[in-house]
Protein backbone atom coordinates (compact mmCIF):
# COMPACT_ATOMS: atom_id res chain seq x y z
CA MET A 1 0.00 0.00 0.00
CA GLN A 2 1.45 3.34 -1.09
CA ARG A 3 1.28 6.27 1.33
CA SER A 4 2.00 9.87 0.57
CA ASP A 5 4.16 11.95 2.91
CA ASP A 6 1.20 13.98 4.16
CA GLU A 7 -0.81 10.96 5.38
CA ASN A 8 -1.05 10.32 9.09
CA GLU A 9 -1.44 6.97 10.75
CA ARG A 10 -2.79 6.14 14.18
CA ILE A 11 -1.61 2.98 15.89
CA GLU A 12 -4.32 1.83 18.28
CA ALA A 13 -3.75 0.24 21.68
CA GLY A 14 -3.04 -3.48 21.61
CA ARG A 15 -1.41 -3.50 18.18
CA VAL A 16 2.29 -2.91 18.88
CA ARG A 17 3.88 -5.59 21.04
CA GLU A 18 7.59 -4.92 20.47
CA ALA A 19 10.00 -2.02 20.79
CA ARG A 20 13.68 -1.84 19.84
CA LEU A 21 16.22 0.65 21.11
CA VAL A 22 19.87 0.94 20.12
CA GLU A 23 22.44 2.61 22.36
CA MET A 24 26.22 2.96 22.38
CA VAL A 25 28.16 2.06 25.54
CA PHE A 26 30.27 5.05 26.56
CA PRO A 27 33.02 5.25 29.23
CA GLU A 28 30.80 6.96 31.85
CA GLN A 29 28.48 3.92 31.74
CA THR A 30 31.21 1.41 32.56
CA ASN A 31 33.08 0.17 35.59
CA HIS A 32 36.85 -0.05 36.07
CA TYR A 33 36.88 -3.22 33.93
CA GLY A 34 35.46 -1.31 30.97
CA THR A 35 32.15 -3.19 31.06
CA LEU A 36 28.64 -1.82 31.39
CA PHE A 37 27.51 -1.28 34.99
CA GLY A 38 24.67 -3.63 35.89
CA GLY A 39 22.59 -0.64 37.05
CA GLN A 40 23.05 1.01 33.66
CA ALA A 41 21.89 -2.18 31.94
CA LEU A 42 18.82 -2.29 34.21
CA ALA A 43 18.02 1.37 33.47
CA LEU A 44 18.21 0.74 29.72
CA MET A 45 16.05 -2.38 30.06
CA ASP A 46 13.45 -0.53 32.14
CA LYS A 47 13.36 2.21 29.51
CA ALA A 48 12.78 -0.34 26.72
CA ALA A 49 10.07 -2.09 28.78
CA PHE A 50 8.41 1.28 29.41
CA VAL A 51 8.35 2.10 25.69
CA ALA A 52 6.93 -1.30 24.74
CA ALA A 53 4.25 -1.22 27.46
CA SER A 54 3.30 2.40 26.73
CA ARG A 55 2.88 1.76 23.03
CA TYR A 56 0.92 -1.42 23.69
CA ALA A 57 -1.50 0.09 26.25
CA ARG A 58 -1.55 3.69 24.98
CA ARG A 59 -1.75 4.65 28.66
CA THR A 60 0.52 6.00 31.35
CA VAL A 61 2.51 3.07 32.76
CA VAL A 62 4.83 2.66 35.73
CA THR A 63 7.23 -0.13 36.59
CA ALA A 64 5.87 -2.38 39.34
CA SER A 65 8.63 -4.99 39.42
CA SER A 66 11.52 -6.62 37.66
CA GLU A 67 10.89 -10.34 37.96
CA ARG A 68 14.24 -11.74 36.94
CA VAL A 69 17.33 -10.41 35.23
CA ASP A 70 20.14 -12.68 34.09
CA PHE A 71 23.52 -11.33 32.98
CA HIS A 72 25.03 -13.71 30.43
CA VAL A 73 28.14 -11.95 29.11
CA PRO A 74 29.78 -8.61 29.87
CA ILE A 75 28.94 -5.72 27.56
CA ARG A 76 32.02 -3.67 26.77
CA GLN A 77 32.67 0.00 26.26
CA GLY A 78 32.39 0.86 22.57
CA GLN A 79 29.88 -1.86 21.80
CA LEU A 80 26.37 -1.22 20.61
CA VAL A 81 23.53 -2.56 22.67
CA GLU A 82 20.25 -3.43 21.01
CA LEU A 83 17.37 -3.81 23.40
CA ILE A 84 14.38 -5.82 22.20
CA ALA A 85 11.36 -5.47 24.45
CA ARG A 86 8.31 -7.69 23.85
CA VAL A 87 4.94 -7.69 25.58
CA VAL A 88 4.55 -11.33 26.60
CA ALA A 89 1.56 -11.26 28.98
CA THR A 90 -1.15 -9.02 30.32
CA GLY A 91 -3.26 -9.00 33.45
CA ARG A 92 -6.25 -6.82 34.14
CA THR A 93 -4.05 -3.72 34.67
CA SER A 94 -0.54 -5.11 34.21
CA ILE A 95 1.74 -5.74 31.26
CA THR A 96 4.68 -8.15 31.42
CA VAL A 97 7.55 -7.26 29.11
CA GLU A 98 10.55 -9.45 28.35
CA VAL A 99 13.68 -7.50 27.44
CA GLU A 100 16.76 -8.91 25.74
CA VAL A 101 19.98 -6.92 25.49
CA PHE A 102 22.33 -7.86 22.69
CA ALA A 103 25.93 -6.66 22.63
CA GLU A 104 27.23 -5.97 19.14
CA ASP A 105 30.71 -5.14 17.96
CA LEU A 106 30.29 -2.08 15.77
CA LEU A 107 33.08 -2.98 13.35
CA THR A 108 32.75 -6.76 12.98
CA GLY A 109 29.01 -7.17 13.54
CA ASP A 110 29.60 -9.99 16.03
CA ARG A 111 26.63 -10.10 18.37
CA GLN A 112 25.60 -12.03 21.46
CA LEU A 113 22.96 -11.99 24.16
CA GLY A 114 24.28 -10.00 27.09
CA THR A 115 21.31 -9.72 29.42
CA ARG A 116 17.68 -10.85 29.61
CA GLY A 117 14.97 -9.87 32.07
CA ARG A 118 11.24 -9.48 32.71
CA PHE A 119 9.50 -6.35 33.89
CA VAL A 120 5.92 -5.85 35.04
CA LEU A 121 4.36 -2.44 34.42
CA VAL A 122 0.97 -1.21 35.57
CA ALA A 123 -1.27 1.12 33.56
CA LEU A 124 -2.66 4.19 35.35
CA ASP A 125 -5.65 6.41 34.67
CA ALA A 126 -5.67 10.22 34.93
CA HIS A 127 -6.02 9.97 38.73
CA GLY A 128 -3.07 7.62 39.17
CA ASN A 129 -5.23 4.54 39.76
CA PRO A 130 -4.60 1.21 38.02
CA THR A 131 -6.68 0.90 34.87
CA ALA A 132 -7.46 -1.88 32.39
CA VAL A 133 -5.14 -2.75 29.52
CA PRO A 134 -5.94 -4.57 26.25
CA ARG A 135 -5.64 -8.34 26.50
CA LEU A 136 -3.20 -10.11 24.25
CA PRO A 137 -5.04 -11.89 21.41
CA ASP A 138 -3.77 -15.30 22.56
CA GLU A 139 -4.97 -14.61 26.12
CA GLN A 140 -8.60 -13.85 25.19
CA GLY A 141 -10.86 -15.93 27.38
CA SER A 142 -8.03 -17.53 29.33
CA PRO A 143 -7.54 -16.78 33.02
CA GLY A 144 -4.88 -14.15 33.59
CA ALA A 145 -3.18 -12.29 36.39
CA GLU A 146 -5.45 -10.12 38.46
CA SER A 147 -3.03 -7.23 38.85
């Protein structure tokens, strides 16, 4: 389908389930070994989870928990990190997002999984109260989390 430059598109809630972010690892983000601080990795992962959940729900979301984060290999200064955040489950007001962080050598293209984790975000209404989110299509009619 051809679109002209002046056409607008609206992406409705429940349609976008994935977000990708690419960042460069700079010296101020690393420890004395020249590898990415774990806290920096968590901040980037939370950011990616926030973007994915916000786009999915089209609501204000806040992080409620990080369920599990595993660090597989160190991510070095000068590498690119690609964060892939996917909505994997929904509750009544919650969205679970899995985030993978891949370390990529900018010059060679070599890439490997550095970190993986799950984050739970809760959607809020205009008064700051939890509010309903769209169900995932594969969860329709199945029992889900009550949060």
